[in-house]
Protein backbone atom coordinates (compact mmCIF):
# COMPACT_ATOMS: atom_id res chain seq x y z
CA MET A 1 26.90 -18.19 9.35
CA ALA A 2 26.56 -16.73 12.85
CA ASP A 3 22.94 -15.66 12.44
CA SER A 4 21.80 -18.72 10.46
CA SER A 5 18.20 -19.90 10.44
CA THR A 6 19.25 -22.88 12.59
CA ASP A 7 19.77 -20.52 15.52
CA ASN A 8 16.55 -18.57 14.96
CA PRO A 9 13.61 -20.14 16.87
CA SER A 10 11.04 -18.06 14.95
CA VAL A 11 11.78 -19.88 11.67
CA PRO A 12 9.21 -22.63 10.87
CA GLU A 13 10.77 -26.09 10.53
CA GLN A 14 10.05 -26.43 6.81
CA VAL A 15 11.50 -22.99 6.06
CA ARG A 16 14.57 -23.84 8.13
CA ARG A 17 15.10 -27.05 6.19
CA ALA A 18 14.66 -25.26 2.88
CA ALA A 19 17.16 -22.57 3.88
CA GLU A 20 19.65 -25.31 4.75
CA GLY A 21 19.39 -26.77 1.26
CA ASP A 22 16.48 -29.23 1.40
CA ARG A 23 15.15 -28.86 -2.14
CA GLN A 24 12.05 -30.97 -1.52
CA ALA A 25 11.06 -28.86 1.49
CA TRP A 26 11.48 -25.73 -0.64
CA ALA A 27 9.45 -27.14 -3.52
CA ASP A 28 6.69 -28.21 -1.13
CA LEU A 29 6.56 -24.75 0.45
CA LEU A 30 6.27 -22.99 -2.89
CA ASN A 31 3.65 -25.39 -4.22
CA ALA A 32 1.54 -25.02 -1.10
CA HIS A 33 1.25 -21.25 -1.54
CA ARG A 34 0.94 -21.10 -5.32
CA PRO A 35 -2.92 -21.11 -5.49
CA ARG A 36 -3.26 -18.14 -3.13
CA LEU A 37 -0.58 -16.19 -4.96
CA ARG A 38 -2.12 -16.98 -8.32
CA ARG A 39 -5.46 -15.61 -7.09
CA MET A 40 -3.73 -12.45 -5.89
CA VAL A 41 -1.95 -11.88 -9.20
CA ALA A 42 -5.10 -12.54 -11.23
CA LEU A 43 -6.88 -9.82 -9.26
CA ARG A 44 -4.09 -7.27 -9.73
CA LEU A 45 -2.69 -7.99 -13.19
CA ASP A 46 -3.40 -5.07 -15.51
CA ARG A 47 -6.06 -6.14 -18.02
CA ARG A 48 -3.94 -4.84 -20.90
CA LEU A 49 -1.37 -7.52 -20.08
CA GLN A 50 -3.73 -10.45 -19.67
CA GLY A 51 -2.98 -11.73 -23.17
CA ARG A 52 0.76 -11.29 -22.74
CA LEU A 53 1.38 -12.38 -19.17
CA ASP A 54 -0.07 -15.25 -17.20
CA PRO A 55 -0.17 -15.20 -13.38
CA SER A 56 2.10 -18.25 -13.47
CA ASP A 57 4.77 -16.17 -15.24
CA VAL A 58 4.68 -13.57 -12.47
CA ILE A 59 4.81 -16.21 -9.73
CA GLN A 60 7.71 -18.00 -11.38
CA GLU A 61 9.79 -14.82 -11.39
CA ALA A 62 8.82 -14.11 -7.79
CA TYR A 63 9.90 -17.61 -6.81
CA LEU A 64 13.31 -16.95 -8.35
CA ASP A 65 13.51 -13.83 -6.14
CA ALA A 66 12.44 -15.93 -3.14
CA THR A 67 15.07 -18.58 -3.83
CA ALA A 68 17.76 -15.91 -3.99
CA GLY A 69 16.56 -14.25 -0.79
CA LEU A 70 15.62 -17.29 1.31
CA ALA A 71 18.80 -17.43 3.41
CA GLU A 72 18.51 -13.74 4.34
CA TYR A 73 14.80 -14.12 5.14
CA ALA A 74 15.43 -17.15 7.37
CA ALA A 75 18.30 -15.42 9.17
CA ARG A 76 16.05 -12.64 10.38
CA VAL A 77 12.37 -13.37 9.99
CA GLU A 78 10.41 -10.12 9.95
CA MET A 79 7.06 -11.36 8.65
CA PRO A 80 5.19 -14.64 8.17
CA PHE A 81 6.50 -16.71 5.27
CA PHE A 82 3.38 -16.42 3.10
CA LEU A 83 3.29 -12.64 3.48
CA TRP A 84 6.95 -12.51 2.45
CA LEU A 85 6.17 -14.52 -0.68
CA ARG A 86 3.13 -12.35 -1.36
CA TRP A 87 5.23 -9.19 -1.00
CA LEU A 88 7.88 -10.49 -3.42
CA THR A 89 5.15 -11.44 -5.89
CA GLY A 90 3.54 -8.01 -5.62
CA MET A 91 6.84 -6.26 -6.19
CA ARG A 92 7.55 -8.48 -9.19
CA LEU A 93 4.10 -7.68 -10.58
CA THR A 94 4.75 -3.96 -10.15
CA THR A 95 8.06 -4.32 -12.02
CA LEU A 96 6.41 -6.20 -14.88
CA HIS A 97 3.65 -3.60 -15.15
CA ARG A 98 6.22 -0.85 -15.53
CA LYS A 99 8.36 -2.89 -17.92
CA HIS A 100 5.51 -3.72 -20.30
CA LEU A 101 3.37 -0.59 -19.98
CA GLY A 102 5.96 2.11 -19.34
CA CYS A 103 4.30 5.51 -19.17
CA GLN A 104 0.93 3.85 -19.75
CA VAL A 105 1.04 2.14 -16.36
CA ARG A 106 -1.66 3.17 -13.92
CA ASP A 107 -0.54 6.10 -11.82
CA ALA A 108 0.78 5.60 -8.29
CA ALA A 109 -2.58 6.55 -6.80
CA ARG A 110 -3.92 3.23 -8.15
CA GLU A 111 -1.22 1.30 -6.29
CA VAL A 112 -1.79 0.21 -2.70
CA SER A 113 0.70 1.66 -0.27
CA LEU A 114 1.92 -1.00 2.15
CA GLU A 115 4.45 -0.97 4.96
CA ARG A 116 7.11 -2.32 2.59
CA GLY A 117 6.28 -0.57 -0.68
CA ALA A 118 3.47 -0.32 -3.21
CA MET A 119 1.52 -3.06 -4.94
CA PRO A 120 -0.86 -2.77 -7.90
CA GLY A 121 -4.44 -2.46 -6.69
CA ALA A 122 -7.27 -4.67 -7.85
CA THR A 123 -9.31 -2.65 -10.33
CA SER A 124 -13.04 -2.15 -9.97
CA ALA A 125 -13.49 -3.87 -13.34
CA VAL A 126 -11.86 -7.05 -12.06
CA LEU A 127 -13.81 -6.94 -8.80
CA ALA A 128 -17.07 -6.38 -10.64
CA ALA A 129 -16.35 -9.34 -12.91
CA GLN A 130 -15.60 -11.51 -9.88
CA LEU A 131 -18.84 -10.51 -8.20
CA LEU A 132 -20.97 -10.91 -11.31
CA GLY A 133 -19.67 -14.35 -12.23
CA ARG A 134 -19.25 -15.64 -15.77
CA ASP A 135 -22.73 -15.77 -17.24
CA THR A 136 -22.12 -14.78 -20.88
CA ARG A 137 -25.45 -15.83 -22.40
CA PRO A 138 -26.50 -13.40 -25.17
CA SER A 139 -29.93 -13.07 -23.58
CA VAL A 140 -28.46 -11.44 -20.48
CA ALA A 141 -25.42 -9.71 -22.01
CA ALA A 142 -26.92 -6.21 -22.13
CA ILE A 143 -28.31 -6.40 -18.61
CA ARG A 144 -25.00 -7.75 -17.34
CA ALA A 145 -23.02 -4.97 -19.05
CA GLU A 146 -25.16 -2.29 -17.42
CA ARG A 147 -24.93 -4.03 -14.05
CA GLN A 148 -21.15 -4.23 -14.36
CA ARG A 149 -20.85 -0.55 -15.31
CA ARG A 150 -22.85 0.55 -12.29
CA LEU A 151 -21.03 -1.84 -9.99
CA GLN A 152 -17.65 -0.52 -11.15
CA GLU A 153 -18.75 3.05 -10.53
CA ALA A 154 -19.94 2.18 -7.03
CA LEU A 155 -16.74 0.29 -6.19
CA ASN A 156 -14.66 3.24 -7.41
CA ALA A 157 -16.58 5.47 -5.01
CA MET A 158 -15.64 3.35 -1.98
CA ASP A 159 -12.86 4.43 0.35
CA PRO A 160 -9.66 2.97 -1.20
CA VAL A 161 -8.52 1.38 2.05
CA ASP A 162 -11.95 -0.15 2.67
CA ARG A 163 -11.94 -1.53 -0.86
CA GLU A 164 -8.47 -2.99 -0.35
CA VAL A 165 -9.53 -4.60 2.94
CA LEU A 166 -12.46 -6.13 1.07
CA VAL A 167 -10.13 -7.48 -1.62
CA LEU A 168 -7.70 -8.93 0.90
CA ARG A 169 -10.32 -10.57 3.11
CA HIS A 170 -13.04 -11.55 0.65
CA PHE A 171 -11.10 -12.35 -2.53
CA GLU A 172 -7.55 -13.18 -1.39
CA GLU A 173 -8.86 -14.80 1.81
CA LEU A 174 -6.21 -13.33 4.11
CA THR A 175 -6.90 -13.46 7.82
CA ASN A 176 -7.75 -10.29 9.71
CA ALA A 177 -4.29 -10.37 11.31
CA GLU A 178 -2.63 -10.66 7.89
CA VAL A 179 -4.69 -7.77 6.52
CA ALA A 180 -3.80 -5.60 9.49
CA ARG A 181 -0.11 -6.32 8.99
CA GLU A 182 -0.22 -5.68 5.25
CA LEU A 183 -1.95 -2.31 5.62
CA GLY A 184 -0.23 -1.18 8.81
CA LEU A 185 -3.50 -1.16 10.80
CA GLN A 186 -4.48 -2.35 14.24
CA GLU A 187 -6.38 -5.64 14.02
CA SER A 188 -9.46 -3.99 15.52
CA ALA A 189 -9.33 -1.25 12.88
CA ALA A 190 -8.92 -3.79 10.07
CA SER A 191 -11.91 -5.73 11.36
CA LYS A 192 -14.08 -2.61 11.56
CA ARG A 193 -13.09 -1.58 8.05
CA TYR A 194 -13.97 -5.03 6.71
CA ILE A 195 -17.41 -4.93 8.34
CA ARG A 196 -17.96 -1.44 6.95
CA ALA A 197 -16.83 -2.51 3.48
CA LEU A 198 -19.13 -5.54 3.50
CA ARG A 199 -22.05 -3.35 4.53
CA LYS A 200 -21.27 -0.90 1.74
CA LEU A 201 -20.93 -3.73 -0.78
CA LYS A 202 -24.32 -5.11 0.21
CA GLU A 203 -25.87 -1.66 -0.29
CA ILE A 204 -24.26 -1.49 -3.73
CA LEU A 205 -25.54 -4.91 -4.75
CA VAL A 206 -29.07 -4.26 -3.50
CA ALA A 207 -29.22 -1.08 -5.59
CA LEU A 208 -28.24 -2.82 -8.83
CA PRO A 209 -30.78 -4.06 -11.41
CA GLY A 210 -31.92 -7.45 -10.22
CA GLY A 211 -30.87 -6.75 -6.65
CA ILE A 212 -28.67 -8.84 -4.42
CA GLU A 213 -30.44 -12.09 -5.32
CA GLU A 214 -28.55 -12.07 -8.62
CA PHE A 215 -25.31 -12.66 -6.73
CA ARG A 216 -26.36 -15.58 -4.54
């Protein structure tokens, strides 16, 4: 192949070996990124499908897509390898949402527009649950339910891009450069949005019953 990954200096060594047929290199690459992808899918999987689909199911299908597309990716690298995997996983998640939910799927306004397509957004309910933790004691159930309701409302009121930057940086743990690339922003703009989103989140938490101390 004239434009093979062997002749492309931008291809990382492990990706190059995988594209040339090294199965162990490919398995190691996929295993290394699985935890981050699983966290991403768990944040964005529609709650109505949580009993029918596991994040591992979504990732497995995405990895089949990655295996089929690896040679083409390596021949002309256009994005970092993890972001390519993340994009494939997001597209697979979108497909599964539409397959299982049909007309009940969240409308397109709830999907996050990226440079390469749209990905399901993390819902305010999931974010609120992440922020509140997993204290399910009956003695605090009512207080927690009210706190979660108010937190969801406040998160819904945030600028969608700011909320997505918060998800990418705080929950998915992407770097500022990765966030900027995913959302088509300058790195300086992505950084400013993250600072603004953190400030807004702190204001939200302070205003909740129990204040910010409940989240430390």
